[in-house]
Amino acid sequence: MLFASSSALADPVASPSFSGPLAPNAHPIVVNAGPFGDVTVTGQVSGVALAQSHVTSTPGTVTSDTAADVSNAQVEIQTTTGPLQLYVQAGAYSLPALGTSYLRSGKAQDLLFGPVPVAYAKAVLSKDLSITAGFLPTMVGAESTFTFQNMNVERGLLWNQEPSISRGAQVNYAHGKLSAAVSLNDGYYSGKFNWISGTASYAFDTANTLTVIGAGSFSRSRRSSYATPLAQNNGSIFNIIYTYAKGPLTLTPYLQYNRVDRDDALGLNRSAETFGGALLAKYTLAKGLSLAARGEYLKSSGDDCGLATDCVPTNLLYGPHSDAWSATFTPTYQKGIFFARGEVSYTRIGKLAPGSGFGADFNKRDQVRGLLETGFLF
């Protein structure tokens, strides 16, 4: 069947989400696809340069002091009207995160979420109620998956404990000041649908919002991969997030707790947990110019093995009973669809288990990183 198509400019769309300081293209392309309706097309093309100290020699990751890579080469195609809506996000991406070795974009696609990391269908049941199903962004945490979505180029220590993308189905509700969602999904991309996730948000006014999140597995999964950490995927995680946004200032403090119970059959010989907090901040200095910052602290704890010789304590951070903190600063400039931002970060490990630190010998307690990311949001 043949049909005519035409393109025009549209208002910004809600997906993918942006927490600032980067803003999506104010006038994305919309294509009239005839009987298929209007299709909105957006995307990101960006590169990143990296310099770092105490490089960790993890196989398959960047092991040099400096590197350059593609941070995003993605396109989003979506429909936003009608009872059935579709969303597809495809392309290359890297997911730089504090305290972990840098994984190049080509490797990230192979080891993480493939060339189509997010894709779902949305059934709109009423103005307040909808159902989405497919490859879904996680509802856990205060930071999103991809660099362009967040205040900082790198994700933080707390984000490292969270799922990023899960496969499953989600029911969404929003009415007035209240919004909520509940999902049946595969947690840390395990392929086993044994996780329940839920979130509820209340907007007290235009400036203040409180969000409570809980997620966890209700059965065990043996899968272990780069995208699926065995311990966290068999645990539970909770957040309390507060957001203040008024004028040039945005503040997001949040707390996070996760727990993994003992399961000898999976090799989790002892229970373990982490508790941490973070503050994300953004301040607009002038039109197109802003400064973002993040400070965070995370501590792990758990049961020891005592005299048991065949026992290994469960490690969720830099060894059992370890802790770490970080500070990140990210100035950003954006003009139209072009952006450039620099970043400097410092990560410090407090108590360190042997062989779990930074550097070639895994014995260094700190790491400094500098990044420059620049590109276009179309």
Protein backbone atom coordinates (compact mmCIF):
# COMPACT_ATOMS: atom_id res chain seq x y z
CA MET A 1 0.00 0.00 0.00
CA LEU A 2 1.34 3.41 -0.94
CA PHE A 3 0.69 6.56 1.04
CA ALA A 4 2.02 10.08 1.13
CA SER A 5 4.16 11.33 3.99
CA SER A 6 5.26 14.79 5.06
CA SER A 7 7.34 16.20 7.90
CA ALA A 8 6.94 19.19 10.17
CA LEU A 9 8.10 20.42 13.57
CA ALA A 10 6.38 19.46 16.82
CA ASP A 11 6.45 20.32 20.51
CA PRO A 12 8.90 18.44 22.77
CA VAL A 13 7.91 14.89 23.74
CA ALA A 14 8.05 13.36 27.23
CA SER A 15 10.26 10.40 26.25
CA PRO A 16 13.13 10.00 26.72
CA SER A 17 13.11 11.92 29.99
CA PHE A 18 15.54 14.76 30.71
CA SER A 19 16.39 15.86 34.27
CA GLY A 20 18.50 18.78 33.03
CA PRO A 21 20.64 20.73 32.54
CA LEU A 22 20.39 19.46 28.95
CA ALA A 23 17.03 20.14 27.31
CA PRO A 24 15.53 18.19 24.40
CA ASN A 25 15.06 19.74 20.98
CA ALA A 26 12.24 22.24 21.39
CA HIS A 27 10.93 21.39 17.90
CA PRO A 28 11.53 17.74 16.99
CA ILE A 29 10.60 16.30 13.62
CA VAL A 30 7.12 14.84 13.19
CA VAL A 31 6.33 12.74 10.13
CA ASN A 32 2.80 12.27 8.84
CA ALA A 33 2.86 8.56 8.02
CA GLY A 34 -0.58 8.41 6.46
CA PRO A 35 -2.72 5.63 7.98
CA PHE A 36 -0.11 5.14 10.72
CA GLY A 37 -0.63 8.67 12.03
CA ASP A 38 1.98 11.16 13.17
CA VAL A 39 5.41 9.77 14.11
CA THR A 40 7.84 11.89 16.13
CA VAL A 41 11.58 11.43 15.53
CA THR A 42 14.25 12.58 17.99
CA GLY A 43 17.83 11.55 18.68
CA GLN A 44 21.26 12.23 20.11
CA VAL A 45 24.74 12.20 18.61
CA SER A 46 27.60 12.83 21.05
CA GLY A 47 31.16 11.87 21.85
CA VAL A 48 33.14 11.77 25.08
CA ALA A 49 36.83 12.18 25.93
CA LEU A 50 38.08 10.68 29.18
CA ALA A 51 41.18 11.06 31.38
CA GLN A 52 41.54 9.09 34.61
CA SER A 53 43.94 8.08 37.37
CA HIS A 54 44.50 4.64 38.90
CA VAL A 55 43.06 2.77 35.94
CA THR A 56 41.68 -0.67 36.72
CA SER A 57 42.82 -3.37 34.30
CA THR A 58 39.50 -5.10 33.84
CA PRO A 59 39.43 -7.26 30.68
CA GLY A 60 37.32 -5.76 27.88
CA THR A 61 37.29 -2.24 29.33
CA VAL A 62 39.46 0.85 28.77
CA THR A 63 42.80 0.25 30.50
CA SER A 64 44.60 3.45 29.46
CA ASP A 65 44.77 6.84 31.18
CA THR A 66 42.95 8.55 28.29
CA ALA A 67 40.29 7.47 25.81
CA ALA A 68 37.70 8.81 23.39
CA ASP A 69 34.42 7.18 22.45
CA VAL A 70 30.88 7.62 21.17
CA SER A 71 28.63 8.28 24.16
CA ASN A 72 25.39 8.39 22.14
CA ALA A 73 24.36 7.72 18.57
CA GLN A 74 20.68 7.04 19.12
CA VAL A 75 17.35 7.73 17.51
CA GLU A 76 13.87 7.59 19.07
CA ILE A 77 10.78 6.92 16.97
CA GLN A 78 7.42 7.21 18.71
CA THR A 79 3.74 7.91 18.44
CA THR A 80 2.11 10.02 21.13
CA THR A 81 -1.60 9.98 20.28
CA GLY A 82 -4.34 7.36 20.06
CA PRO A 83 -5.25 4.38 22.26
CA LEU A 84 -2.13 2.41 21.24
CA GLN A 85 1.23 4.18 21.20
CA LEU A 86 4.69 2.88 20.32
CA TYR A 87 8.21 3.87 21.38
CA VAL A 88 11.55 2.60 20.01
CA GLN A 89 15.00 3.84 21.05
CA ALA A 90 17.88 2.39 19.04
CA GLY A 91 21.56 2.95 18.44
CA ALA A 92 24.94 3.06 20.19
CA TYR A 93 25.58 4.22 23.74
CA SER A 94 28.11 4.10 26.56
CA LEU A 95 27.16 4.21 30.24
CA PRO A 96 30.08 5.75 32.16
CA ALA A 97 29.74 5.36 35.93
CA LEU A 98 31.89 6.32 38.91
CA GLY A 99 33.98 3.62 40.50
CA THR A 100 33.74 1.24 37.55
CA SER A 101 35.91 0.65 34.50
CA TYR A 102 34.83 2.42 31.31
CA LEU A 103 33.11 0.13 28.81
CA ARG A 104 33.24 1.36 25.20
CA SER A 105 29.96 1.84 23.31
CA GLY A 106 30.55 -1.14 21.02
CA LYS A 107 31.11 -3.43 23.99
CA ALA A 108 28.21 -1.87 25.88
CA GLN A 109 25.73 -2.93 23.21
CA ASP A 110 27.09 -6.48 23.22
CA LEU A 111 27.27 -6.92 27.01
CA LEU A 112 24.34 -4.81 28.20
CA PHE A 113 21.05 -4.08 26.40
CA GLY A 114 21.73 -4.56 22.69
CA PRO A 115 21.21 -2.05 19.86
CA VAL A 116 17.56 -1.44 20.87
CA PRO A 117 17.79 -0.83 24.63
CA VAL A 118 14.30 0.62 25.08
CA ALA A 119 11.15 -0.31 23.14
CA TYR A 120 7.57 -0.65 24.31
CA ALA A 121 3.92 -0.42 23.44
CA LYS A 122 1.56 1.73 25.49
CA ALA A 123 -2.16 1.13 25.79
CA VAL A 124 -3.99 4.26 26.95
CA LEU A 125 -7.05 3.11 28.88
CA SER A 126 -8.14 6.56 30.10
CA LYS A 127 -6.62 9.98 30.71
CA ASP A 128 -5.33 8.70 34.09
CA LEU A 129 -4.52 5.05 33.37
CA SER A 130 -2.20 3.29 30.92
CA ILE A 131 -0.28 0.04 30.49
CA THR A 132 3.19 -0.26 28.96
CA ALA A 133 4.99 -3.47 27.99
CA GLY A 134 8.38 -4.18 26.49
CA PHE A 135 11.93 -3.07 27.28
CA LEU A 136 11.26 -0.45 29.97
CA PRO A 137 13.42 2.11 31.80
CA THR A 138 13.65 1.23 35.48
CA MET A 139 11.60 3.20 37.99
CA VAL A 140 14.32 2.74 40.65
CA GLY A 141 16.65 5.60 41.61
CA ALA A 142 16.99 9.29 40.85
CA GLU A 143 19.30 8.98 37.82
CA SER A 144 18.37 7.68 34.38
CA THR A 145 20.38 5.35 32.18
CA PHE A 146 21.88 7.44 29.36
CA THR A 147 24.32 10.36 29.70
CA PHE A 148 22.15 13.00 28.01
CA GLN A 149 19.27 12.37 30.43
CA ASN A 150 21.15 13.35 33.57
CA MET A 151 22.72 16.27 35.39
CA ASN A 152 26.16 14.61 35.21
CA VAL A 153 27.90 12.73 32.40
CA GLU A 154 28.74 9.78 34.67
CA ARG A 155 26.25 7.92 36.82
CA GLY A 156 26.96 7.66 40.54
CA LEU A 157 27.80 5.04 43.15
CA LEU A 158 24.16 4.58 44.17
CA TRP A 159 23.15 4.12 40.51
CA ASN A 160 25.64 1.24 40.30
CA GLN A 161 23.44 -0.71 42.72
CA GLU A 162 20.24 -0.19 40.70
CA PRO A 163 18.66 -1.91 37.69
CA SER A 164 18.82 0.21 34.54
CA ILE A 165 16.46 -1.38 32.03
CA SER A 166 14.02 -4.23 32.65
CA ARG A 167 11.76 -6.28 30.42
CA GLY A 168 8.17 -6.52 31.57
CA ALA A 169 4.78 -4.85 31.87
CA GLN A 170 3.85 -1.77 33.87
CA VAL A 171 0.58 -0.16 34.94
CA ASN A 172 0.72 3.64 35.22
CA TYR A 173 -1.69 5.97 37.03
CA ALA A 174 -1.63 9.76 37.32
CA HIS A 175 -4.32 12.04 38.70
CA GLY A 176 -3.84 15.51 40.08
CA LYS A 177 -0.88 15.63 42.46
CA LEU A 178 -0.52 11.84 42.68
CA SER A 179 1.22 9.49 40.26
CA ALA A 180 2.00 5.81 40.74
CA ALA A 181 3.14 2.73 38.84
CA VAL A 182 3.59 -0.98 39.46
CA SER A 183 5.52 -3.41 37.27
CA LEU A 184 6.16 -7.13 36.82
CA ASN A 185 9.62 -7.38 35.25
CA ASP A 186 12.94 -9.23 35.05
CA GLY A 187 14.87 -6.99 37.45
CA TYR A 188 18.44 -6.58 36.31
CA TYR A 189 17.71 -7.77 32.77
CA SER A 190 17.82 -11.43 33.84
CA GLY A 191 15.17 -12.78 31.46
CA LYS A 192 13.21 -14.23 34.40
CA PHE A 193 10.07 -12.29 35.29
CA ASN A 194 10.35 -12.55 39.06
CA TRP A 195 10.53 -8.90 40.13
CA ILE A 196 7.81 -6.57 41.39
CA SER A 197 8.55 -2.82 41.27
CA GLY A 198 6.38 0.01 42.51
CA THR A 199 6.58 3.78 42.83
CA ALA A 200 4.36 6.55 44.16
CA SER A 201 4.94 10.31 43.83
CA TYR A 202 3.11 13.23 45.37
CA ALA A 203 3.59 16.82 44.16
CA PHE A 204 2.89 19.12 47.11
CA ASP A 205 3.09 22.09 44.75
CA THR A 206 4.92 23.06 41.55
CA ALA A 207 8.28 23.09 43.36
CA ASN A 208 8.20 20.14 45.79
CA THR A 209 7.74 16.42 45.06
CA LEU A 210 8.24 13.32 47.20
CA THR A 211 8.73 9.88 45.64
CA VAL A 212 8.85 6.46 47.33
CA ILE A 213 10.11 3.42 45.40
CA GLY A 214 10.38 -0.26 46.24
CA ALA A 215 11.43 -3.24 44.10
CA GLY A 216 12.53 -6.81 44.69
CA SER A 217 12.61 -10.42 43.52
CA PHE A 218 10.10 -12.99 44.75
CA SER A 219 12.07 -16.03 43.52
CA ARG A 220 15.67 -16.88 42.71
CA SER A 221 17.59 -16.52 39.44
CA ARG A 222 20.97 -18.07 38.65
CA ARG A 223 21.76 -15.72 35.77
CA SER A 224 24.97 -13.72 36.13
CA SER A 225 26.32 -11.38 33.44
CA TYR A 226 27.66 -7.86 32.92
CA ALA A 227 24.10 -6.52 32.96
CA THR A 228 22.85 -8.93 35.64
CA PRO A 229 24.82 -8.95 38.92
CA LEU A 230 23.92 -12.19 40.69
CA ALA A 231 23.66 -10.73 44.20
CA GLN A 232 21.65 -7.58 43.46
CA ASN A 233 19.35 -9.44 41.08
CA ASN A 234 18.35 -11.73 43.94
CA GLY A 235 17.68 -8.91 46.38
CA SER A 236 15.49 -5.88 46.96
CA ILE A 237 16.03 -2.12 46.74
CA PHE A 238 14.22 0.95 48.10
CA ASN A 239 14.39 4.74 47.57
CA ILE A 240 13.04 7.88 49.16
CA ILE A 241 13.53 10.81 46.76
CA TYR A 242 12.70 14.46 47.33
CA THR A 243 12.86 17.03 44.53
CA TYR A 244 12.86 20.81 44.85
CA ALA A 245 12.77 22.74 41.57
CA LYS A 246 12.14 26.47 41.49
CA GLY A 247 13.66 29.13 39.28
CA PRO A 248 17.32 28.41 38.47
CA LEU A 249 17.78 25.85 41.28
CA THR A 250 17.00 22.12 41.36
CA LEU A 251 17.86 19.96 44.38
CA THR A 252 17.30 16.20 44.60
CA PRO A 253 18.37 14.53 47.84
CA TYR A 254 17.62 10.81 48.14
CA LEU A 255 18.24 7.76 50.27
CA GLN A 256 18.74 4.20 49.09
CA TYR A 257 18.78 0.80 50.77
CA ASN A 258 19.22 -2.61 49.23
CA ARG A 259 19.47 -6.08 50.73
CA VAL A 260 20.47 -9.53 49.55
CA ASP A 261 19.55 -12.56 51.67
CA ARG A 262 21.67 -15.65 52.13
CA ASP A 263 21.27 -18.42 49.54
CA ASP A 264 23.96 -21.09 49.61
CA ALA A 265 22.61 -22.72 46.44
CA LEU A 266 23.46 -19.53 44.51
CA GLY A 267 26.83 -19.05 46.22
CA LEU A 268 25.50 -16.21 48.38
CA ASN A 269 26.89 -17.60 51.63
CA ARG A 270 25.93 -14.64 53.79
CA SER A 271 23.36 -11.83 53.69
CA ALA A 272 24.52 -8.33 52.79
CA GLU A 273 23.11 -4.84 52.40
CA THR A 274 24.04 -1.30 51.39
CA PHE A 275 22.73 2.02 52.65
CA GLY A 276 23.55 5.36 51.10
CA GLY A 277 22.48 8.86 50.31
CA ALA A 278 23.11 11.39 47.57
CA LEU A 279 22.41 15.01 46.70
CA LEU A 280 21.99 16.06 43.08
CA ALA A 281 21.99 19.79 42.37
CA LYS A 282 21.69 22.02 39.32
CA TYR A 283 21.88 25.80 39.07
CA THR A 284 21.32 27.83 35.91
CA LEU A 285 23.92 30.62 35.76
CA ALA A 286 22.71 32.24 32.55
CA LYS A 287 20.78 31.31 29.44
CA GLY A 288 22.35 28.11 28.13
CA LEU A 289 24.94 27.92 30.93
CA SER A 290 24.55 25.87 34.12
CA LEU A 291 26.44 23.98 36.78
CA ALA A 292 25.49 20.55 38.14
CA ALA A 293 26.96 18.78 41.15
CA ARG A 294 26.53 15.45 42.93
CA GLY A 295 27.77 14.26 46.30
CA GLU A 296 27.09 10.77 47.66
CA TYR A 297 28.09 8.20 50.26
CA LEU A 298 27.47 4.45 50.23
CA LYS A 299 28.26 1.85 52.88
CA SER A 300 27.95 -1.94 52.74
CA SER A 301 27.47 -4.33 55.63
CA GLY A 302 26.56 -7.96 56.18
CA ASP A 303 27.22 -11.18 58.03
CA ASP A 304 30.76 -12.51 58.38
CA CYS A 305 31.79 -16.11 57.78
CA GLY A 306 33.39 -16.60 61.17
CA LEU A 307 35.33 -19.90 61.23
CA ALA A 308 33.55 -21.40 58.20
CA THR A 309 36.31 -22.22 55.71
CA ASP A 310 34.01 -22.87 52.74
CA CYS A 311 32.22 -19.52 53.08
CA VAL A 312 32.68 -16.31 51.04
CA PRO A 313 30.97 -13.14 52.35
CA THR A 314 28.64 -11.51 49.82
CA ASN A 315 30.27 -8.48 48.18
CA LEU A 316 28.06 -5.58 47.04
CA LEU A 317 30.64 -2.78 46.83
CA TYR A 318 34.46 -2.81 47.28
CA GLY A 319 34.45 -5.92 49.42
CA PRO A 320 32.36 -6.82 52.49
CA HIS A 321 31.96 -3.94 54.98
CA SER A 322 33.45 -1.43 52.52
CA ASP A 323 32.29 2.13 51.97
CA ALA A 324 32.89 4.91 49.46
CA TRP A 325 32.02 8.53 48.70
CA SER A 326 32.20 10.69 45.61
CA ALA A 327 31.95 14.30 44.42
CA THR A 328 31.17 15.35 40.84
CA PHE A 329 30.98 18.77 39.15
CA THR A 330 29.60 19.27 35.64
CA PRO A 331 29.42 22.70 33.93
CA THR A 332 27.17 22.61 30.84
CA TYR A 333 26.66 24.88 27.85
CA GLN A 334 23.77 24.41 25.41
CA LYS A 335 22.69 26.52 22.45
CA GLY A 336 19.81 25.15 20.43
CA ILE A 337 20.53 21.51 19.67
CA PHE A 338 24.29 21.81 20.34
CA PHE A 339 25.77 21.13 23.76
CA ALA A 340 29.15 20.80 25.43
CA ARG A 341 29.91 19.93 29.03
CA GLY A 342 32.96 19.14 31.08
CA GLU A 343 33.15 17.06 34.23
CA VAL A 344 35.55 16.33 37.05
CA SER A 345 34.85 13.62 39.61
CA TYR A 346 36.59 12.16 42.64
CA THR A 347 35.79 8.75 44.13
CA ARG A 348 37.26 7.64 47.46
CA ILE A 349 37.02 4.19 49.02
CA GLY A 350 37.06 4.10 52.82
CA LYS A 351 37.40 0.57 54.12
CA LEU A 352 38.76 -1.55 51.28
CA ALA A 353 38.90 -5.33 50.94
CA PRO A 354 42.17 -6.64 49.43
CA GLY A 355 41.98 -6.85 45.64
CA SER A 356 38.82 -4.72 45.36
CA GLY A 357 40.26 -1.25 44.77
CA PHE A 358 41.43 0.85 41.83
CA GLY A 359 44.67 0.63 39.86
CA ALA A 360 46.55 -2.12 38.10
CA ASP A 361 47.01 -4.01 41.39
CA PHE A 362 43.46 -3.25 42.67
CA ASN A 363 44.89 -1.65 45.83
CA LYS A 364 44.32 2.09 45.29
CA ARG A 365 41.65 3.85 47.32
CA ASP A 366 40.79 6.75 45.02
CA GLN A 367 40.23 7.73 41.40
CA VAL A 368 40.03 11.10 39.64
CA ARG A 369 38.28 11.43 36.29
CA GLY A 370 37.92 14.28 33.84
CA LEU A 371 35.47 14.12 30.94
CA LEU A 372 34.37 16.26 28.04
CA GLU A 373 31.11 15.40 26.26
CA THR A 374 29.80 17.30 23.26
CA GLY A 375 27.20 16.70 20.58
CA PHE A 376 23.72 17.42 19.28
CA LEU A 377 20.17 16.70 20.46
CA PHE A 378 17.92 16.63 17.41
